[in-house]
PDB file of N, CA and C in Angstrom:
ATOM      1  N   MET A   1     -48.249 -10.499 -53.530  1.00  0.00           N
ATOM      2  CA  MET A   1     -48.408 -11.684 -52.335  1.00  0.00           C
ATOM      3  C   MET A   1     -50.306 -11.601 -52.101  1.00  0.00           C
ATOM      4  N   PHE A   2     -51.010 -12.499 -52.220  1.00  0.00           N
ATOM      5  CA  PHE A   2     -52.264 -12.199 -51.985  1.00  0.00           C
ATOM      6  C   PHE A   2     -52.894 -13.059 -50.726  1.00  0.00           C
ATOM      7  N   LEU A   3     -53.552 -12.025 -49.800  1.00  0.00           N
ATOM      8  CA  LEU A   3     -53.568 -13.060 -48.149  1.00  0.00           C
ATOM      9  C   LEU A   3     -55.295 -12.831 -47.747  1.00  0.00           C
ATOM     10  N   ASN A   4     -55.338 -14.129 -47.386  1.00  0.00           N
ATOM     11  CA  ASN A   4     -56.647 -14.122 -47.163  1.00  0.00           C
ATOM     12  C   ASN A   4     -56.771 -14.680 -45.634  1.00  0.00           C
ATOM     13  N   TYR A   5     -57.853 -14.974 -45.487  1.00  0.00           N
ATOM     14  CA  TYR A   5     -57.910 -15.773 -43.590  1.00  0.00           C
ATOM     15  C   TYR A   5     -57.923 -17.328 -44.383  1.00  0.00           C
ATOM     16  N   THR A   6     -57.979 -17.766 -45.039  1.00  0.00           N
ATOM     17  CA  THR A   6     -58.314 -19.226 -45.626  1.00  0.00           C
ATOM     18  C   THR A   6     -56.937 -19.924 -46.322  1.00  0.00           C
ATOM     19  N   SER A   7     -56.013 -19.005 -46.753  1.00  0.00           N
ATOM     20  CA  SER A   7     -54.448 -19.435 -47.474  1.00  0.00           C
ATOM     21  C   SER A   7     -53.583 -18.261 -47.594  1.00  0.00           C
ATOM     22  N   ILE A   8     -52.919 -18.896 -48.099  1.00  0.00           N
ATOM     23  CA  ILE A   8     -51.571 -17.758 -48.390  1.00  0.00           C
ATOM     24  C   ILE A   8     -51.131 -17.865 -49.880  1.00  0.00           C
ATOM     25  N   PHE A   9     -50.948 -17.245 -50.754  1.00  0.00           N
ATOM     26  CA  PHE A   9     -50.344 -17.338 -51.973  1.00  0.00           C
ATOM     27  C   PHE A   9     -49.270 -16.866 -52.128  1.00  0.00           C
ATOM     28  N   ILE A  10     -48.339 -17.762 -52.664  1.00  0.00           N
ATOM     29  CA  ILE A  10     -46.569 -17.287 -52.491  1.00  0.00           C
ATOM     30  C   ILE A  10     -46.108 -17.301 -53.572  1.00  0.00           C
ATOM     31  N   LYS A  11     -45.023 -16.512 -53.974  1.00  0.00           N
ATOM     32  CA  LYS A  11     -44.175 -16.900 -55.258  1.00  0.00           C
ATOM     33  C   LYS A  11     -42.744 -17.468 -54.423  1.00  0.00           C
ATOM     34  N   PRO A  12     -42.113 -18.240 -55.326  1.00  0.00           N
ATOM     35  CA  PRO A  12     -41.017 -18.945 -54.735  1.00  0.00           C
ATOM     36  C   PRO A  12     -40.059 -18.408 -54.197  1.00  0.00           C
ATOM     37  N   ALA A  13     -39.754 -17.233 -54.812  1.00  0.00           N
ATOM     38  CA  ALA A  13     -38.681 -15.812 -54.286  1.00  0.00           C
ATOM     39  C   ALA A  13     -38.840 -15.791 -52.785  1.00  0.00           C
ATOM     40  N   LEU A  14     -40.116 -15.361 -52.248  1.00  0.00           N
ATOM     41  CA  LEU A  14     -40.621 -14.954 -51.485  1.00  0.00           C
ATOM     42  C   LEU A  14     -40.585 -16.285 -50.165  1.00  0.00           C
ATOM     43  N   ALA A  15     -41.430 -17.295 -50.648  1.00  0.00           N
ATOM     44  CA  ALA A  15     -41.312 -18.586 -49.791  1.00  0.00           C
ATOM     45  C   ALA A  15     -39.892 -18.793 -49.593  1.00  0.00           C
ATOM     46  N   LEU A  16     -38.880 -18.833 -50.250  1.00  0.00           N
ATOM     47  CA  LEU A  16     -37.634 -19.146 -49.976  1.00  0.00           C
ATOM     48  C   LEU A  16     -37.000 -17.766 -48.729  1.00  0.00           C
ATOM     49  N   GLY A  17     -37.242 -17.039 -49.038  1.00  0.00           N
ATOM     50  CA  GLY A  17     -36.835 -15.999 -47.597  1.00  0.00           C
ATOM     51  C   GLY A  17     -37.420 -16.119 -46.445  1.00  0.00           C
ATOM     52  N   LEU A  18     -38.974 -16.597 -46.692  1.00  0.00           N
ATOM     53  CA  LEU A  18     -39.654 -16.948 -45.490  1.00  0.00           C
ATOM     54  C   LEU A  18     -38.928 -17.929 -44.857  1.00  0.00           C
ATOM     55  N   ILE A  19     -38.779 -19.413 -45.259  1.00  0.00           N
ATOM     56  CA  ILE A  19     -38.051 -20.381 -44.948  1.00  0.00           C
ATOM     57  C   ILE A  19     -36.747 -19.973 -44.080  1.00  0.00           C
ATOM     58  N   VAL A  20     -35.730 -19.451 -45.137  1.00  0.00           N
ATOM     59  CA  VAL A  20     -34.792 -18.865 -43.968  1.00  0.00           C
ATOM     60  C   VAL A  20     -35.027 -18.306 -42.916  1.00  0.00           C
ATOM     61  N   LEU A  21     -35.613 -17.283 -43.022  1.00  0.00           N
ATOM     62  CA  LEU A  21     -36.014 -16.532 -41.610  1.00  0.00           C
ATOM     63  C   LEU A  21     -36.376 -17.645 -40.612  1.00  0.00           C
ATOM     64  N   GLY A  22     -37.142 -18.655 -40.926  1.00  0.00           N
ATOM     65  CA  GLY A  22     -37.814 -19.332 -40.336  1.00  0.00           C
ATOM     66  C   GLY A  22     -39.054 -19.134 -39.780  1.00  0.00           C
ATOM     67  N   ILE A  23     -39.725 -18.195 -40.371  1.00  0.00           N
ATOM     68  CA  ILE A  23     -40.796 -17.657 -39.930  1.00  0.00           C
ATOM     69  C   ILE A  23     -42.351 -18.444 -40.312  1.00  0.00           C
ATOM     70  N   GLY A  24     -41.932 -19.096 -41.467  1.00  0.00           N
ATOM     71  CA  GLY A  24     -43.176 -19.600 -42.575  1.00  0.00           C
ATOM     72  C   GLY A  24     -44.187 -18.516 -42.632  1.00  0.00           C
ATOM     73  N   PHE A  25     -44.857 -19.284 -43.254  1.00  0.00           N
ATOM     74  CA  PHE A  25     -46.041 -18.490 -43.866  1.00  0.00           C
ATOM     75  C   PHE A  25     -47.717 -19.001 -43.388  1.00  0.00           C
ATOM     76  N   ILE A  26     -48.233 -18.504 -42.721  1.00  0.00           N
ATOM     77  CA  ILE A  26     -49.140 -19.301 -42.133  1.00  0.00           C
ATOM     78  C   ILE A  26     -50.386 -18.596 -41.740  1.00  0.00           C
ATOM     79  N   THR A  27     -51.458 -18.993 -41.949  1.00  0.00           N
ATOM     80  CA  THR A  27     -52.896 -18.456 -41.920  1.00  0.00           C
ATOM     81  C   THR A  27     -53.434 -18.360 -40.326  1.00  0.00           C
ATOM     82  N   PRO A  28     -54.459 -17.467 -40.120  1.00  0.00           N
ATOM     83  CA  PRO A  28     -54.767 -16.993 -38.896  1.00  0.00           C
ATOM     84  C   PRO A  28     -55.525 -18.410 -38.217  1.00  0.00           C
ATOM     85  N   SER A  29     -55.701 -18.334 -37.381  1.00  0.00           N
ATOM     86  CA  SER A  29     -56.229 -18.907 -36.182  1.00  0.00           C
ATOM     87  C   SER A  29     -57.420 -18.761 -36.221  1.00  0.00           C
ATOM     88  N   GLN A  30     -58.322 -20.225 -35.943  1.00  0.00           N
ATOM     89  CA  GLN A  30     -59.674 -19.964 -36.103  1.00  0.00           C
ATOM     90  C   GLN A  30     -60.357 -19.243 -34.869  1.00  0.00           C
ATOM     91  N   SER A  31     -59.319 -19.097 -33.710  1.00  0.00           N
ATOM     92  CA  SER A  31     -59.478 -18.256 -32.609  1.00  0.00           C
ATOM     93  C   SER A  31     -58.994 -17.041 -31.972  1.00  0.00           C
ATOM     94  N   GLY A  32     -58.064 -16.930 -33.331  1.00  0.00           N
ATOM     95  CA  GLY A  32     -57.288 -15.874 -32.993  1.00  0.00           C
ATOM     96  C   GLY A  32     -56.775 -15.205 -34.327  1.00  0.00           C
ATOM     97  N   ASP A  33     -55.451 -14.642 -34.256  1.00  0.00           N
ATOM     98  CA  ASP A  33     -54.627 -14.231 -35.271  1.00  0.00           C
ATOM     99  C   ASP A  33     -53.384 -15.135 -36.064  1.00  0.00           C
ATOM    100  N   TRP A  34     -52.991 -14.215 -37.138  1.00  0.00           N
ATOM    101  CA  TRP A  34     -51.278 -15.001 -36.980  1.00  0.00           C
ATOM    102  C   TRP A  34     -50.380 -15.303 -35.801  1.00  0.00           C
ATOM    103  N   ARG A  35     -50.967 -14.056 -34.855  1.00  0.00           N
ATOM    104  CA  ARG A  35     -49.806 -13.846 -33.814  1.00  0.00           C
ATOM    105  C   ARG A  35     -50.025 -15.215 -32.832  1.00  0.00           C
ATOM    106  N   GLY A  36     -51.319 -15.910 -32.713  1.00  0.00           N
ATOM    107  CA  GLY A  36     -51.479 -16.576 -32.142  1.00  0.00           C
ATOM    108  C   GLY A  36     -50.658 -18.138 -32.353  1.00  0.00           C
ATOM    109  N   LEU A  37     -50.495 -18.302 -33.840  1.00  0.00           N
ATOM    110  CA  LEU A  37     -49.835 -19.015 -34.656  1.00  0.00           C
ATOM    111  C   LEU A  37     -48.557 -19.380 -34.578  1.00  0.00           C
ATOM    112  N   HIS A  38     -48.152 -18.098 -34.703  1.00  0.00           N
ATOM    113  CA  HIS A  38     -46.405 -17.708 -34.125  1.00  0.00           C
ATOM    114  C   HIS A  38     -46.170 -17.831 -33.054  1.00  0.00           C
ATOM    115  N   ASP A  39     -47.271 -17.632 -32.179  1.00  0.00           N
ATOM    116  CA  ASP A  39     -46.680 -18.598 -30.669  1.00  0.00           C
ATOM    117  C   ASP A  39     -46.408 -19.520 -30.503  1.00  0.00           C
ATOM    118  N   GLU A  40     -47.515 -20.295 -30.805  1.00  0.00           N
ATOM    119  CA  GLU A  40     -47.719 -21.929 -31.143  1.00  0.00           C
ATOM    120  C   GLU A  40     -46.406 -22.400 -31.568  1.00  0.00           C
ATOM    121  N   VAL A  41     -45.877 -21.906 -32.373  1.00  0.00           N
ATOM    122  CA  VAL A  41     -44.213 -22.162 -33.357  1.00  0.00           C
ATOM    123  C   VAL A  41     -43.173 -22.234 -32.412  1.00  0.00           C
ATOM    124  N   GLN A  42     -43.402 -21.127 -31.529  1.00  0.00           N
ATOM    125  CA  GLN A  42     -42.386 -20.510 -30.933  1.00  0.00           C
ATOM    126  C   GLN A  42     -42.507 -21.058 -29.607  1.00  0.00           C
ATOM    127  N   SER A  43     -43.138 -21.732 -29.143  1.00  0.00           N
ATOM    128  CA  SER A  43     -43.533 -22.485 -27.969  1.00  0.00           C
ATOM    129  C   SER A  43     -43.117 -23.946 -28.251  1.00  0.00           C
ATOM    130  N   GLY A  44     -43.214 -24.427 -29.281  1.00  0.00           N
ATOM    131  CA  GLY A  44     -42.879 -25.808 -29.648  1.00  0.00           C
ATOM    132  C   GLY A  44     -44.122 -26.435 -29.751  1.00  0.00           C
ATOM    133  N   ARG A  45     -45.345 -26.042 -29.484  1.00  0.00           N
ATOM    134  CA  ARG A  45     -47.013 -26.680 -29.777  1.00  0.00           C
ATOM    135  C   ARG A  45     -47.113 -26.792 -31.331  1.00  0.00           C
ATOM    136  N   LEU A  46     -46.400 -26.163 -32.150  1.00  0.00           N
ATOM    137  CA  LEU A  46     -46.514 -26.538 -33.736  1.00  0.00           C
ATOM    138  C   LEU A  46     -45.370 -26.756 -33.969  1.00  0.00           C
ATOM    139  N   VAL A  47     -44.743 -27.467 -35.065  1.00  0.00           N
ATOM    140  CA  VAL A  47     -43.742 -27.405 -36.090  1.00  0.00           C
ATOM    141  C   VAL A  47     -43.636 -26.191 -37.087  1.00  0.00           C
ATOM    142  N   ALA A  48     -42.448 -25.727 -36.930  1.00  0.00           N
ATOM    143  CA  ALA A  48     -42.421 -24.862 -37.894  1.00  0.00           C
ATOM    144  C   ALA A  48     -42.647 -25.055 -39.226  1.00  0.00           C
ATOM    145  N   LEU A  49     -43.270 -24.432 -40.093  1.00  0.00           N
ATOM    146  CA  LEU A  49     -43.446 -24.497 -41.526  1.00  0.00           C
ATOM    147  C   LEU A  49     -42.350 -24.388 -41.922  1.00  0.00           C
ATOM    148  N   SER A  50     -41.026 -24.399 -41.813  1.00  0.00           N
ATOM    149  CA  SER A  50     -39.882 -24.659 -42.510  1.00  0.00           C
ATOM    150  C   SER A  50     -39.587 -26.061 -42.867  1.00  0.00           C
ATOM    151  N   THR A  51     -39.683 -26.771 -41.488  1.00  0.00           N
ATOM    152  CA  THR A  51     -39.393 -28.186 -41.286  1.00  0.00           C
ATOM    153  C   THR A  51     -40.254 -28.977 -42.427  1.00  0.00           C
ATOM    154  N   VAL A  52     -41.326 -28.682 -42.543  1.00  0.00           N
ATOM    155  CA  VAL A  52     -42.464 -29.210 -43.058  1.00  0.00           C
ATOM    156  C   VAL A  52     -41.795 -28.951 -44.704  1.00  0.00           C
ATOM    157  N   LEU A  53     -41.768 -27.828 -45.315  1.00  0.00           N
ATOM    158  CA  LEU A  53     -41.027 -27.230 -46.593  1.00  0.00           C
ATOM    159  C   LEU A  53     -39.759 -27.830 -46.821  1.00  0.00           C
ATOM    160  N   ASP A  54     -38.851 -27.824 -45.841  1.00  0.00           N
ATOM    161  CA  ASP A  54     -37.639 -28.520 -46.018  1.00  0.00           C
ATOM    162  C   ASP A  54     -37.768 -30.169 -46.388  1.00  0.00           C
ATOM    163  N   TRP A  55     -38.352 -30.779 -45.775  1.00  0.00           N
ATOM    164  CA  TRP A  55     -38.704 -32.342 -45.930  1.00  0.00           C
ATOM    165  C   TRP A  55     -39.667 -32.688 -47.476  1.00  0.00           C
ATOM    166  N   LEU A  56     -40.095 -31.728 -47.835  1.00  0.00           N
ATOM    167  CA  LEU A  56     -41.133 -31.346 -48.987  1.00  0.00           C
ATOM    168  C   LEU A  56     -39.906 -31.536 -50.121  1.00  0.00           C
ATOM    169  N   GLU A  57     -39.225 -30.371 -50.042  1.00  0.00           N
ATOM    170  CA  GLU A  57     -38.094 -30.293 -50.646  1.00  0.00           C
ATOM    171  C   GLU A  57     -37.034 -31.661 -51.297  1.00  0.00           C
ATOM    172  N   THR A  58     -36.923 -31.664 -50.354  1.00  0.00           N
ATOM    173  CA  THR A  58     -36.054 -33.174 -49.907  1.00  0.00           C
ATOM    174  C   THR A  58     -36.527 -34.277 -50.874  1.00  0.00           C
ATOM    175  N   HIS A  59     -38.020 -34.557 -50.571  1.00  0.00           N
ATOM    176  CA  HIS A  59     -38.370 -35.751 -51.171  1.00  0.00           C
ATOM    177  C   HIS A  59     -39.328 -35.447 -52.565  1.00  0.00           C
ATOM    178  N   TYR A  60     -39.632 -34.380 -52.619  1.00  0.00           N
ATOM    179  CA  TYR A  60     -40.162 -34.102 -54.169  1.00  0.00           C
ATOM    180  C   TYR A  60     -39.663 -32.995 -54.590  1.00  0.00           C
ATOM    181  N   ARG A  61     -40.184 -33.098 -56.205  1.00  0.00           N
ATOM    182  CA  ARG A  61     -39.827 -31.940 -57.326  1.00  0.00           C
ATOM    183  C   ARG A  61     -41.008 -30.998 -57.205  1.00  0.00           C
ATOM    184  N   GLY A  62     -41.044 -30.033 -57.386  1.00  0.00           N
ATOM    185  CA  GLY A  62     -42.241 -29.216 -57.502  1.00  0.00           C
ATOM    186  C   GLY A  62     -41.995 -27.581 -56.940  1.00  0.00           C
ATOM    187  N   GLU A  63     -43.053 -26.904 -56.925  1.00  0.00           N
ATOM    188  CA  GLU A  63     -42.985 -25.857 -56.469  1.00  0.00           C
ATOM    189  C   GLU A  63     -44.404 -25.561 -55.805  1.00  0.00           C
ATOM    190  N   VAL A  64     -43.973 -24.677 -54.428  1.00  0.00           N
ATOM    191  CA  VAL A  64     -44.996 -24.767 -53.658  1.00  0.00           C
ATOM    192  C   VAL A  64     -46.297 -23.455 -54.119  1.00  0.00           C
ATOM    193  N   LEU A  65     -47.196 -23.790 -54.119  1.00  0.00           N
ATOM    194  CA  LEU A  65     -48.378 -22.491 -54.858  1.00  0.00           C
ATOM    195  C   LEU A  65     -49.121 -22.272 -53.722  1.00  0.00           C
ATOM    196  N   GLU A  66     -49.351 -23.160 -52.424  1.00  0.00           N
ATOM    197  CA  GLU A  66     -50.048 -22.256 -51.536  1.00  0.00           C
ATOM    198  C   GLU A  66     -50.240 -23.284 -50.563  1.00  0.00           C
ATOM    199  N   VAL A  67     -50.238 -22.528 -49.280  1.00  0.00           N
ATOM    200  CA  VAL A  67     -50.099 -23.344 -47.828  1.00  0.00           C
ATOM    201  C   VAL A  67     -51.302 -23.077 -47.094  1.00  0.00           C
ATOM    202  N   GLU A  68     -51.936 -23.712 -46.225  1.00  0.00           N
ATOM    203  CA  GLU A  68     -52.976 -23.357 -45.403  1.00  0.00           C
ATOM    204  C   GLU A  68     -52.393 -24.302 -43.814  1.00  0.00           C
ATOM    205  N   VAL A  69     -53.147 -23.528 -43.132  1.00  0.00           N
ATOM    206  CA  VAL A  69     -53.370 -24.185 -41.968  1.00  0.00           C
ATOM    207  C   VAL A  69     -54.744 -24.333 -41.448  1.00  0.00           C
ATOM    208  N   GLU A  70     -54.934 -25.658 -41.367  1.00  0.00           N
ATOM    209  CA  GLU A  70     -56.330 -26.060 -40.809  1.00  0.00           C
ATOM    210  C   GLU A  70     -55.943 -26.852 -39.286  1.00  0.00           C
ATOM    211  N   ARG A  71     -57.306 -26.500 -38.700  1.00  0.00           N
ATOM    212  CA  ARG A  71     -57.564 -27.222 -37.728  1.00  0.00           C
ATOM    213  C   ARG A  71     -58.811 -28.387 -37.501  1.00  0.00           C
ATOM    214  N   ASP A  72     -58.540 -29.357 -37.865  1.00  0.00           N
ATOM    215  CA  ASP A  72     -59.444 -30.481 -37.952  1.00  0.00           C
ATOM    216  C   ASP A  72     -60.179 -31.084 -36.665  1.00  0.00           C
ATOM    217  N   ASP A  73     -60.873 -30.847 -36.431  1.00  0.00           N
ATOM    218  CA  ASP A  73     -61.589 -31.359 -34.801  1.00  0.00           C
ATOM    219  C   ASP A  73     -60.194 -30.810 -33.722  1.00  0.00           C
ATOM    220  N   GLY A  74     -60.053 -29.988 -33.758  1.00  0.00           N
ATOM    221  CA  GLY A  74     -58.974 -29.374 -33.217  1.00  0.00           C
ATOM    222  C   GLY A  74     -57.543 -29.476 -33.277  1.00  0.00           C
ATOM    223  N   LYS A  75     -57.299 -30.471 -34.525  1.00  0.00           N
ATOM    224  CA  LYS A  75     -56.064 -30.905 -34.433  1.00  0.00           C
ATOM    225  C   LYS A  75     -55.282 -29.793 -35.842  1.00  0.00           C
ATOM    226  N   PRO A  76     -54.279 -29.425 -35.455  1.00  0.00           N
ATOM    227  CA  PRO A  76     -53.578 -28.327 -36.552  1.00  0.00           C
ATOM    228  C   PRO A  76     -53.160 -29.360 -37.462  1.00  0.00           C
ATOM    229  N   ARG A  77     -52.870 -28.772 -38.712  1.00  0.00           N
ATOM    230  CA  ARG A  77     -52.486 -29.612 -40.079  1.00  0.00           C
ATOM    231  C   ARG A  77     -51.997 -28.489 -40.665  1.00  0.00           C
ATOM    232  N   TYR A  78     -51.035 -28.757 -41.435  1.00  0.00           N
ATOM    233  CA  TYR A  78     -50.574 -28.401 -42.750  1.00  0.00           C
ATOM    234  C   TYR A  78     -51.471 -28.481 -44.193  1.00  0.00           C
ATOM    235  N   GLU A  79     -51.348 -27.885 -45.000  1.00  0.00           N
ATOM    236  CA  GLU A  79     -51.956 -28.362 -46.268  1.00  0.00           C
ATOM    237  C   GLU A  79     -50.963 -27.678 -46.947  1.00  0.00           C
ATOM    238  N   VAL A  80     -50.120 -28.409 -48.149  1.00  0.00           N
ATOM    239  CA  VAL A  80     -49.228 -27.637 -48.914  1.00  0.00           C
ATOM    240  C   VAL A  80     -49.627 -28.369 -50.274  1.00  0.00           C
ATOM    241  N   GLU A  81     -49.996 -27.215 -51.035  1.00  0.00           N
ATOM    242  CA  GLU A  81     -50.425 -27.651 -52.488  1.00  0.00           C
ATOM    243  C   GLU A  81     -49.193 -27.421 -53.605  1.00  0.00           C
ATOM    244  N   MET A  82     -48.820 -28.286 -54.134  1.00  0.00           N
ATOM    245  CA  MET A  82     -47.654 -28.419 -55.299  1.00  0.00           C
ATOM    246  C   MET A  82     -47.815 -28.490 -56.437  1.00  0.00           C
ATOM    247  N   ILE A  83     -47.058 -27.821 -57.326  1.00  0.00           N
ATOM    248  CA  ILE A  83     -46.878 -28.321 -58.994  1.00  0.00           C
ATOM    249  C   ILE A  83     -46.208 -28.773 -58.897  1.00  0.00           C
ATOM    250  N   GLY A  84     -46.025 -30.017 -59.837  1.00  0.00           N
ATOM    251  CA  GLY A  84     -44.734 -31.273 -60.329  1.00  0.00           C
ATOM    252  C   GLY A  84     -44.315 -30.648 -61.366  1.00  0.00           C
ATOM    253  N   PRO A  85     -43.498 -31.399 -61.785  1.00  0.00           N
ATOM    254  CA  PRO A  85     -42.547 -30.610 -63.128  1.00  0.00           C
ATOM    255  C   PRO A  85     -42.990 -31.035 -64.325  1.00  0.00           C
ATOM    256  N   GLN A  86     -44.443 -32.010 -64.215  1.00  0.00           N
ATOM    257  CA  GLN A  86     -45.178 -32.285 -65.775  1.00  0.00           C
ATOM    258  C   GLN A  86     -46.466 -31.781 -65.453  1.00  0.00           C
ATOM    259  N   GLY A  87     -46.656 -30.920 -64.467  1.00  0.00           N
ATOM    260  CA  GLY A  87     -47.936 -29.613 -64.294  1.00  0.00           C
ATOM    261  C   GLY A  87     -49.149 -30.450 -63.386  1.00  0.00           C
ATOM    262  N   GLN A  88     -48.359 -31.716 -62.677  1.00  0.00           N
ATOM    263  CA  GLN A  88     -49.600 -32.497 -62.110  1.00  0.00           C
ATOM    264  C   GLN A  88     -49.550 -31.416 -60.407  1.00  0.00           C
ATOM    265  N   LEU A  89     -50.735 -30.935 -60.081  1.00  0.00           N
ATOM    266  CA  LEU A  89     -51.271 -30.531 -58.861  1.00  0.00           C
ATOM    267  C   LEU A  89     -51.471 -31.605 -57.629  1.00  0.00           C
ATOM    268  N   VAL A  90     -50.644 -31.428 -56.561  1.00  0.00           N
ATOM    269  CA  VAL A  90     -50.943 -32.330 -55.274  1.00  0.00           C
ATOM    270  C   VAL A  90     -51.094 -31.526 -54.296  1.00  0.00           C
ATOM    271  N   GLU A  91     -51.606 -31.998 -53.344  1.00  0.00           N
ATOM    272  CA  GLU A  91     -51.909 -31.815 -52.218  1.00  0.00           C
ATOM    273  C   GLU A  91     -51.261 -32.299 -50.794  1.00  0.00           C
ATOM    274  N   PHE A  92     -50.146 -31.842 -50.015  1.00  0.00           N
ATOM    275  CA  PHE A  92     -49.590 -33.110 -49.155  1.00  0.00           C
ATOM    276  C   PHE A  92     -50.460 -32.703 -47.764  1.00  0.00           C
ATOM    277  N   GLU A  93     -50.547 -33.323 -46.903  1.00  0.00           N
ATOM    278  CA  GLU A  93     -51.139 -33.051 -45.603  1.00  0.00           C
ATOM    279  C   GLU A  93     -50.218 -33.211 -44.400  1.00  0.00           C
ATOM    280  N   PHE A  94     -49.606 -32.627 -43.924  1.00  0.00           N
ATOM    281  CA  PHE A  94     -49.128 -32.996 -42.412  1.00  0.00           C
ATOM    282  C   PHE A  94     -49.713 -32.409 -41.329  1.00  0.00           C
ATOM    283  N   ASP A  95     -49.379 -33.354 -40.308  1.00  0.00           N
ATOM    284  CA  ASP A  95     -49.744 -32.966 -38.716  1.00  0.00           C
ATOM    285  C   ASP A  95     -48.699 -31.826 -38.374  1.00  0.00           C
ATOM    286  N   ALA A  96     -49.427 -30.705 -38.103  1.00  0.00           N
ATOM    287  CA  ALA A  96     -48.608 -29.626 -37.716  1.00  0.00           C
ATOM    288  C   ALA A  96     -47.891 -29.749 -35.959  1.00  0.00           C
ATOM    289  N   THR A  97     -48.323 -30.466 -35.673  1.00  0.00           N
ATOM    290  CA  THR A  97     -47.767 -30.773 -34.005  1.00  0.00           C
ATOM    291  C   THR A  97     -46.435 -31.736 -34.012  1.00  0.00           C
ATOM    292  N   ASN A  98     -46.296 -32.601 -35.272  1.00  0.00           N
ATOM    293  CA  ASN A  98     -45.080 -32.939 -35.276  1.00  0.00           C
ATOM    294  C   ASN A  98     -44.363 -33.286 -36.638  1.00  0.00           C
ATOM    295  N   GLY A  99     -45.195 -32.702 -37.633  1.00  0.00           N
ATOM    296  CA  GLY A  99     -44.532 -32.441 -38.739  1.00  0.00           C
ATOM    297  C   GLY A  99     -44.523 -34.003 -39.752  1.00  0.00           C
ATOM    298  N   GLU A 100     -45.612 -35.069 -39.591  1.00  0.00           N
ATOM    299  CA  GLU A 100     -45.697 -35.904 -39.997  1.00  0.00           C
ATOM    300  C   GLU A 100     -46.354 -35.953 -41.162  1.00  0.00           C
ATOM    301  N   LEU A 101     -45.873 -36.540 -42.155  1.00  0.00           N
ATOM    302  CA  LEU A 101     -46.574 -36.667 -43.586  1.00  0.00           C
ATOM    303  C   LEU A 101     -48.340 -37.257 -43.310  1.00  0.00           C
ATOM    304  N   ILE A 102     -49.249 -36.676 -43.204  1.00  0.00           N
ATOM    305  CA  ILE A 102     -50.417 -38.118 -43.058  1.00  0.00           C
ATOM    306  C   ILE A 102     -51.618 -37.989 -44.093  1.00  0.00           C
ATOM    307  N   GLY A 103     -51.097 -37.542 -45.841  1.00  0.00           N
ATOM    308  CA  GLY A 103     -51.745 -37.631 -46.761  1.00  0.00           C
ATOM    309  C   GLY A 103     -51.220 -36.542 -47.830  1.00  0.00           C
ATOM    310  N   MET A 104     -51.949 -37.535 -49.152  1.00  0.00           N
ATOM    311  CA  MET A 104     -51.453 -36.793 -50.073  1.00  0.00           C
ATOM    312  C   MET A 104     -52.493 -37.038 -50.887  1.00  0.00           C
ATOM    313  N   GLU A 105     -52.730 -36.002 -51.998  1.00  0.00           N
ATOM    314  CA  GLU A 105     -53.819 -36.486 -53.094  1.00  0.00           C
ATOM    315  C   GLU A 105     -53.596 -35.670 -54.303  1.00  0.00           C
ATOM    316  N   GLY A 106     -53.585 -36.769 -55.600  1.00  0.00           N
ATOM    317  CA  GLY A 106     -53.304 -35.470 -56.804  1.00  0.00           C
ATOM    318  C   GLY A 106     -52.542 -36.942 -57.895  1.00  0.00           C
ATOM    319  N   VAL A 107     -52.515 -36.539 -58.757  1.00  0.00           N
ATOM    320  CA  VAL A 107     -52.329 -37.591 -60.142  1.00  0.00           C
ATOM    321  C   VAL A 107     -50.785 -37.131 -60.194  1.00  0.00           C
ATOM    322  N   ASN A 108     -50.373 -38.482 -60.961  1.00  0.00           N
ATOM    323  CA  ASN A 108     -48.943 -38.685 -60.921  1.00  0.00           C
ATOM    324  C   ASN A 108     -47.977 -37.819 -60.058  1.00  0.00           C
ATOM    325  N   ILE A 109     -48.230 -38.423 -58.292  1.00  0.00           N
ATOM    326  CA  ILE A 109     -47.067 -38.060 -57.427  1.00  0.00           C
ATOM    327  C   ILE A 109     -45.830 -38.597 -57.550  1.00  0.00           C
ATOM    328  N   ASP A 110     -45.941 -39.881 -57.944  1.00  0.00           N
ATOM    329  CA  ASP A 110     -44.702 -40.553 -58.080  1.00  0.00           C
ATOM    330  C   ASP A 110     -43.887 -40.220 -58.894  1.00  0.00           C
ATOM    331  N   ALA A 111     -44.056 -39.405 -60.072  1.00  0.00           N
ATOM    332  CA  ALA A 111     -43.015 -38.527 -60.947  1.00  0.00           C
ATOM    333  C   ALA A 111     -42.348 -37.556 -60.206  1.00  0.00           C
ATOM    334  N   MET A 112     -42.966 -37.100 -59.302  1.00  0.00           N
ATOM    335  CA  MET A 112     -42.722 -35.945 -58.191  1.00  0.00           C
ATOM    336  C   MET A 112     -41.414 -36.579 -57.632  1.00  0.00           C
ATOM    337  N   GLN A 113     -41.374 -37.616 -56.894  1.00  0.00           N
ATOM    338  CA  GLN A 113     -40.480 -38.181 -56.120  1.00  0.00           C
ATOM    339  C   GLN A 113     -38.998 -38.026 -56.671  1.00  0.00           C
ATOM    340  N   ARG A 114     -38.182 -37.442 -55.757  1.00  0.00           N
ATOM    341  CA  ARG A 114     -37.025 -37.565 -56.063  1.00  0.00           C
ATOM    342  C   ARG A 114     -35.966 -39.158 -55.813  1.00  0.00           C
ATOM    343  N   PRO A 115     -34.991 -39.021 -56.221  1.00  0.00           N
ATOM    344  CA  PRO A 115     -34.774 -40.311 -56.114  1.00  0.00           C
ATOM    345  C   PRO A 115     -33.926 -40.467 -55.097  1.00  0.00           C
TER     346      PRO A 115
END
C-alpha cells in the first residue's frame, strides 16, 4: 500500500478489511492529520467511508483504485476512483457530510451500473 498526503492507493483485499472494520481509509485533512478525520467520522460530522463504498458496490461494478478526501471551499468530499469491468476509469464524488453522490466522470459509466 502506498500512502501520501493526497491519496491512498489500496488493494481490494485490504479495502475489504478496512471496510469491515468500519474505519475506512482517508487522507490527512488540510489542518491536521488522519486522526482529525477519524474524529470527524466518529462524531458524526462525516459519513463513514464504508457507507459510501457500500453504496458504490450496490450500484456499480468495478474495483476501487483510489480514495481521496478533499475539502472544496471547506466542504469535505470523498473522491473514489474505480476501474470498471471493461477497463473504464470513473471517478465518483460524494458529499462527505451526508454521503450523497454529487458527481461522476469517466467513460462508459452506464456499463458499470448494476441491474
